[in-house]
Amino acid sequence: SFIDVFNGGRVLSLQGVQGLLSTLGPPPFGRLHLPECPPRGFFARMLRNLTAVFQAAGKTSSFILCLSQLLEVVRATDGESVEHYEQQIDEYRWTGGARILN
Protein backbone atom coordinates (compact mmCIF):
# COMPACT_ATOMS: atom_id res chain seq x y z
CA SER A 1 0.00 0.00 0.00
CA PHE A 2 1.04 3.58 -0.67
CA ILE A 3 -0.19 6.77 0.95
CA ASP A 4 -0.93 9.84 -1.13
CA VAL A 5 0.02 12.54 1.38
CA PHE A 6 -0.99 15.31 -1.02
CA ASN A 7 -4.52 14.01 -1.38
CA GLY A 8 -5.85 13.67 2.16
CA GLY A 9 -3.84 10.56 3.03
CA ARG A 10 -5.61 8.39 0.49
CA VAL A 11 -4.32 4.79 0.45
CA LEU A 12 -3.33 3.58 -3.02
CA SER A 13 -2.44 0.22 -4.51
CA LEU A 14 0.57 -0.11 -6.81
CA GLN A 15 -1.80 0.24 -9.77
CA GLY A 16 -3.23 3.40 -8.19
CA VAL A 17 0.23 4.91 -7.85
CA GLN A 18 1.08 3.98 -11.42
CA GLY A 19 -2.15 5.60 -12.60
CA LEU A 20 -1.46 8.75 -10.60
CA LEU A 21 2.11 9.01 -11.87
CA SER A 22 1.08 8.28 -15.46
CA THR A 23 -0.63 11.69 -15.51
CA LEU A 24 2.88 13.18 -15.18
CA GLY A 25 4.16 11.43 -18.29
CA PRO A 26 6.07 8.21 -18.91
CA PRO A 27 8.65 7.08 -16.34
CA PRO A 28 12.18 8.10 -17.37
CA PHE A 29 13.43 4.53 -17.69
CA GLY A 30 10.30 2.89 -19.04
CA ARG A 31 9.31 1.12 -15.81
CA LEU A 32 8.19 2.52 -12.51
CA HIS A 33 10.39 1.41 -9.62
CA LEU A 34 8.97 1.98 -6.13
CA PRO A 35 11.19 0.63 -3.36
CA GLU A 36 9.54 -0.64 -0.19
CA CYS A 37 9.73 1.61 2.83
CA PRO A 38 9.88 -0.01 6.26
CA PRO A 39 7.67 1.51 8.99
CA ARG A 40 10.66 3.19 10.67
CA GLY A 41 11.64 4.86 7.39
CA PHE A 42 8.06 6.02 6.82
CA PHE A 43 7.91 7.49 10.34
CA ALA A 44 11.29 9.22 9.90
CA ARG A 45 10.15 10.80 6.63
CA MET A 46 6.96 12.03 8.27
CA LEU A 47 8.97 13.56 11.12
CA ARG A 48 11.38 15.23 8.66
CA ASN A 49 8.43 16.79 6.87
CA LEU A 50 6.91 17.99 10.14
CA THR A 51 10.19 19.49 11.35
CA ALA A 52 10.45 21.48 8.12
CA VAL A 53 6.86 22.75 8.48
CA PHE A 54 7.26 23.70 12.15
CA GLN A 55 10.63 25.36 11.59
CA ALA A 56 9.27 27.44 8.71
CA ALA A 57 6.24 28.44 10.82
CA GLY A 58 8.44 29.45 13.76
CA LYS A 59 6.79 26.90 16.07
CA THR A 60 9.92 26.16 18.06
CA SER A 61 8.39 23.82 20.67
CA SER A 62 6.77 21.61 18.04
CA PHE A 63 9.93 21.74 15.92
CA ILE A 64 12.13 20.58 18.82
CA LEU A 65 9.65 17.86 19.80
CA CYS A 66 9.58 16.41 16.27
CA LEU A 67 13.33 16.80 15.86
CA SER A 68 13.95 14.97 19.16
CA GLN A 69 11.67 12.12 18.08
CA LEU A 70 13.38 12.00 14.69
CA LEU A 71 16.75 11.79 16.42
CA GLU A 72 15.60 8.70 18.35
CA VAL A 73 14.15 7.03 15.25
CA VAL A 74 17.36 7.66 13.31
CA ARG A 75 19.49 6.37 16.21
CA ALA A 76 17.53 3.11 16.07
CA THR A 77 18.25 2.80 12.34
CA ASP A 78 21.59 1.48 11.18
CA GLY A 79 23.67 3.50 8.79
CA GLU A 80 22.40 7.06 9.13
CA SER A 81 24.34 9.70 11.03
CA VAL A 82 22.59 11.56 13.84
CA GLU A 83 25.16 14.35 14.15
CA HIS A 84 23.16 16.84 12.07
CA TYR A 85 20.03 16.37 14.20
CA GLU A 86 22.00 16.66 17.45
CA GLN A 87 23.56 19.91 16.22
CA GLN A 88 20.16 21.34 15.30
CA ILE A 89 18.74 20.51 18.73
CA ASP A 90 21.76 22.05 20.49
CA GLU A 91 21.52 25.17 18.33
CA TYR A 92 17.86 25.68 19.20
CA ARG A 93 18.51 25.06 22.90
CA TRP A 94 21.30 27.66 22.94
CA THR A 95 19.41 30.27 20.93
CA GLY A 96 16.28 29.71 23.02
CA GLY A 97 18.28 30.16 26.22
CA ALA A 98 19.88 33.29 24.82
CA ARG A 99 16.42 34.75 24.05
CA ILE A 100 15.33 34.17 27.64
CA LEU A 101 18.45 35.87 29.05
CA ASN A 102 18.21 38.76 26.63
C-alpha atoms as a PDB file:
ATOM      1  CA  SER A   1       0.000   0.000   0.000  1.00  0.00           C
ATOM      2  CA  PHE A   2       1.042   3.577  -0.668  1.00  0.00           C
ATOM      3  CA  ILE A   3      -0.189   6.773   0.953  1.00  0.00           C
ATOM      4  CA  ASP A   4      -0.932   9.841  -1.133  1.00  0.00           C
ATOM      5  CA  VAL A   5       0.024  12.543   1.377  1.00  0.00           C
ATOM      6  CA  PHE A   6      -0.986  15.311  -1.020  1.00  0.00           C
ATOM      7  CA  ASN A   7      -4.522  14.013  -1.380  1.00  0.00           C
ATOM      8  CA  GLY A   8      -5.846  13.671   2.161  1.00  0.00           C
ATOM      9  CA  GLY A   9      -3.840  10.562   3.034  1.00  0.00           C
ATOM     10  CA  ARG A  10      -5.610   8.385   0.490  1.00  0.00           C
ATOM     11  CA  VAL A  11      -4.316   4.793   0.452  1.00  0.00           C
ATOM     12  CA  LEU A  12      -3.328   3.583  -3.018  1.00  0.00           C
ATOM     13  CA  SER A  13      -2.444   0.225  -4.509  1.00  0.00           C
ATOM     14  CA  LEU A  14       0.572  -0.109  -6.811  1.00  0.00           C
ATOM     15  CA  GLN A  15      -1.799   0.237  -9.767  1.00  0.00           C
ATOM     16  CA  GLY A  16      -3.231   3.402  -8.185  1.00  0.00           C
ATOM     17  CA  VAL A  17       0.234   4.907  -7.850  1.00  0.00           C
ATOM     18  CA  GLN A  18       1.081   3.982 -11.415  1.00  0.00           C
ATOM     19  CA  GLY A  19      -2.151   5.598 -12.600  1.00  0.00           C
ATOM     20  CA  LEU A  20      -1.462   8.746 -10.600  1.00  0.00           C
ATOM     21  CA  LEU A  21       2.110   9.015 -11.875  1.00  0.00           C
ATOM     22  CA  SER A  22       1.083   8.285 -15.460  1.00  0.00           C
ATOM     23  CA  THR A  23      -0.632  11.690 -15.508  1.00  0.00           C
ATOM     24  CA  LEU A  24       2.876  13.184 -15.182  1.00  0.00           C
ATOM     25  CA  GLY A  25       4.156  11.428 -18.288  1.00  0.00           C
ATOM     26  CA  PRO A  26       6.067   8.215 -18.906  1.00  0.00           C
ATOM     27  CA  PRO A  27       8.646   7.077 -16.337  1.00  0.00           C
ATOM     28  CA  PRO A  28      12.178   8.102 -17.368  1.00  0.00           C
ATOM     29  CA  PHE A  29      13.430   4.531 -17.694  1.00  0.00           C
ATOM     30  CA  GLY A  30      10.295   2.888 -19.038  1.00  0.00           C
ATOM     31  CA  ARG A  31       9.305   1.120 -15.812  1.00  0.00           C
ATOM     32  CA  LEU A  32       8.187   2.524 -12.508  1.00  0.00           C
ATOM     33  CA  HIS A  33      10.388   1.406  -9.617  1.00  0.00           C
ATOM     34  CA  LEU A  34       8.967   1.980  -6.131  1.00  0.00           C
ATOM     35  CA  PRO A  35      11.189   0.629  -3.361  1.00  0.00           C
ATOM     36  CA  GLU A  36       9.544  -0.640  -0.188  1.00  0.00           C
ATOM     37  CA  CYS A  37       9.727   1.613   2.832  1.00  0.00           C
ATOM     38  CA  PRO A  38       9.880  -0.014   6.260  1.00  0.00           C
ATOM     39  CA  PRO A  39       7.674   1.514   8.991  1.00  0.00           C
ATOM     40  CA  ARG A  40      10.657   3.194  10.671  1.00  0.00           C
ATOM     41  CA  GLY A  41      11.637   4.863   7.386  1.00  0.00           C
ATOM     42  CA  PHE A  42       8.059   6.020   6.823  1.00  0.00           C
ATOM     43  CA  PHE A  43       7.906   7.495  10.335  1.00  0.00           C
ATOM     44  CA  ALA A  44      11.288   9.225   9.897  1.00  0.00           C
ATOM     45  CA  ARG A  45      10.146  10.798   6.626  1.00  0.00           C
ATOM     46  CA  MET A  46       6.959  12.034   8.266  1.00  0.00           C
ATOM     47  CA  LEU A  47       8.971  13.564  11.123  1.00  0.00           C
ATOM     48  CA  ARG A  48      11.383  15.225   8.658  1.00  0.00           C
ATOM     49  CA  ASN A  49       8.427  16.791   6.868  1.00  0.00           C
ATOM     50  CA  LEU A  50       6.911  17.989  10.144  1.00  0.00           C
ATOM     51  CA  THR A  51      10.192  19.491  11.352  1.00  0.00           C
ATOM     52  CA  ALA A  52      10.446  21.483   8.116  1.00  0.00           C
ATOM     53  CA  VAL A  53       6.863  22.749   8.482  1.00  0.00           C
ATOM     54  CA  PHE A  54       7.257  23.702  12.151  1.00  0.00           C
ATOM     55  CA  GLN A  55      10.633  25.356  11.594  1.00  0.00           C
ATOM     56  CA  ALA A  56       9.271  27.444   8.707  1.00  0.00           C
ATOM     57  CA  ALA A  57       6.237  28.435  10.819  1.00  0.00           C
ATOM     58  CA  GLY A  58       8.439  29.452  13.757  1.00  0.00           C
ATOM     59  CA  LYS A  59       6.788  26.897  16.072  1.00  0.00           C
ATOM     60  CA  THR A  60       9.923  26.161  18.064  1.00  0.00           C
ATOM     61  CA  SER A  61       8.387  23.816  20.670  1.00  0.00           C
ATOM     62  CA  SER A  62       6.768  21.607  18.039  1.00  0.00           C
ATOM     63  CA  PHE A  63       9.933  21.740  15.922  1.00  0.00           C
ATOM     64  CA  ILE A  64      12.129  20.581  18.821  1.00  0.00           C
ATOM     65  CA  LEU A  65       9.650  17.861  19.805  1.00  0.00           C
ATOM     66  CA  CYS A  66       9.577  16.410  16.266  1.00  0.00           C
ATOM     67  CA  LEU A  67      13.326  16.798  15.863  1.00  0.00           C
ATOM     68  CA  SER A  68      13.947  14.966  19.159  1.00  0.00           C
ATOM     69  CA  GLN A  69      11.666  12.124  18.077  1.00  0.00           C
ATOM     70  CA  LEU A  70      13.376  12.003  14.694  1.00  0.00           C
ATOM     71  CA  LEU A  71      16.747  11.786  16.418  1.00  0.00           C
ATOM     72  CA  GLU A  72      15.604   8.698  18.353  1.00  0.00           C
ATOM     73  CA  VAL A  73      14.147   7.026  15.250  1.00  0.00           C
ATOM     74  CA  VAL A  74      17.360   7.657  13.310  1.00  0.00           C
ATOM     75  CA  ARG A  75      19.493   6.374  16.208  1.00  0.00           C
ATOM     76  CA  ALA A  76      17.534   3.110  16.067  1.00  0.00           C
ATOM     77  CA  THR A  77      18.252   2.801  12.338  1.00  0.00           C
ATOM     78  CA  ASP A  78      21.585   1.482  11.175  1.00  0.00           C
ATOM     79  CA  GLY A  79      23.669   3.500   8.788  1.00  0.00           C
ATOM     80  CA  GLU A  80      22.403   7.061   9.132  1.00  0.00           C
ATOM     81  CA  SER A  81      24.340   9.705  11.030  1.00  0.00           C
ATOM     82  CA  VAL A  82      22.586  11.558  13.844  1.00  0.00           C
ATOM     83  CA  GLU A  83      25.163  14.348  14.147  1.00  0.00           C
ATOM     84  CA  HIS A  84      23.156  16.838  12.067  1.00  0.00           C
ATOM     85  CA  TYR A  85      20.028  16.370  14.201  1.00  0.00           C
ATOM     86  CA  GLU A  86      21.999  16.656  17.450  1.00  0.00           C
ATOM     87  CA  GLN A  87      23.561  19.908  16.219  1.00  0.00           C
ATOM     88  CA  GLN A  88      20.158  21.338  15.296  1.00  0.00           C
ATOM     89  CA  ILE A  89      18.739  20.512  18.726  1.00  0.00           C
ATOM     90  CA  ASP A  90      21.763  22.050  20.486  1.00  0.00           C
ATOM     91  CA  GLU A  91      21.521  25.174  18.327  1.00  0.00           C
ATOM     92  CA  TYR A  92      17.859  25.682  19.205  1.00  0.00           C
ATOM     93  CA  ARG A  93      18.513  25.059  22.905  1.00  0.00           C
ATOM     94  CA  TRP A  94      21.302  27.661  22.940  1.00  0.00           C
ATOM     95  CA  THR A  95      19.414  30.272  20.927  1.00  0.00           C
ATOM     96  CA  GLY A  96      16.280  29.713  23.017  1.00  0.00           C
ATOM     97  CA  GLY A  97      18.278  30.163  26.217  1.00  0.00           C
ATOM     98  CA  ALA A  98      19.884  33.295  24.816  1.00  0.00           C
ATOM     99  CA  ARG A  99      16.422  34.755  24.048  1.00  0.00           C
ATOM    100  CA  ILE A 100      15.329  34.172  27.643  1.00  0.00           C
ATOM    101  CA  LEU A 101      18.451  35.871  29.049  1.00  0.00           C
ATOM    102  CA  ASN A 102      18.209  38.762  26.630  1.00  0.00           C
END
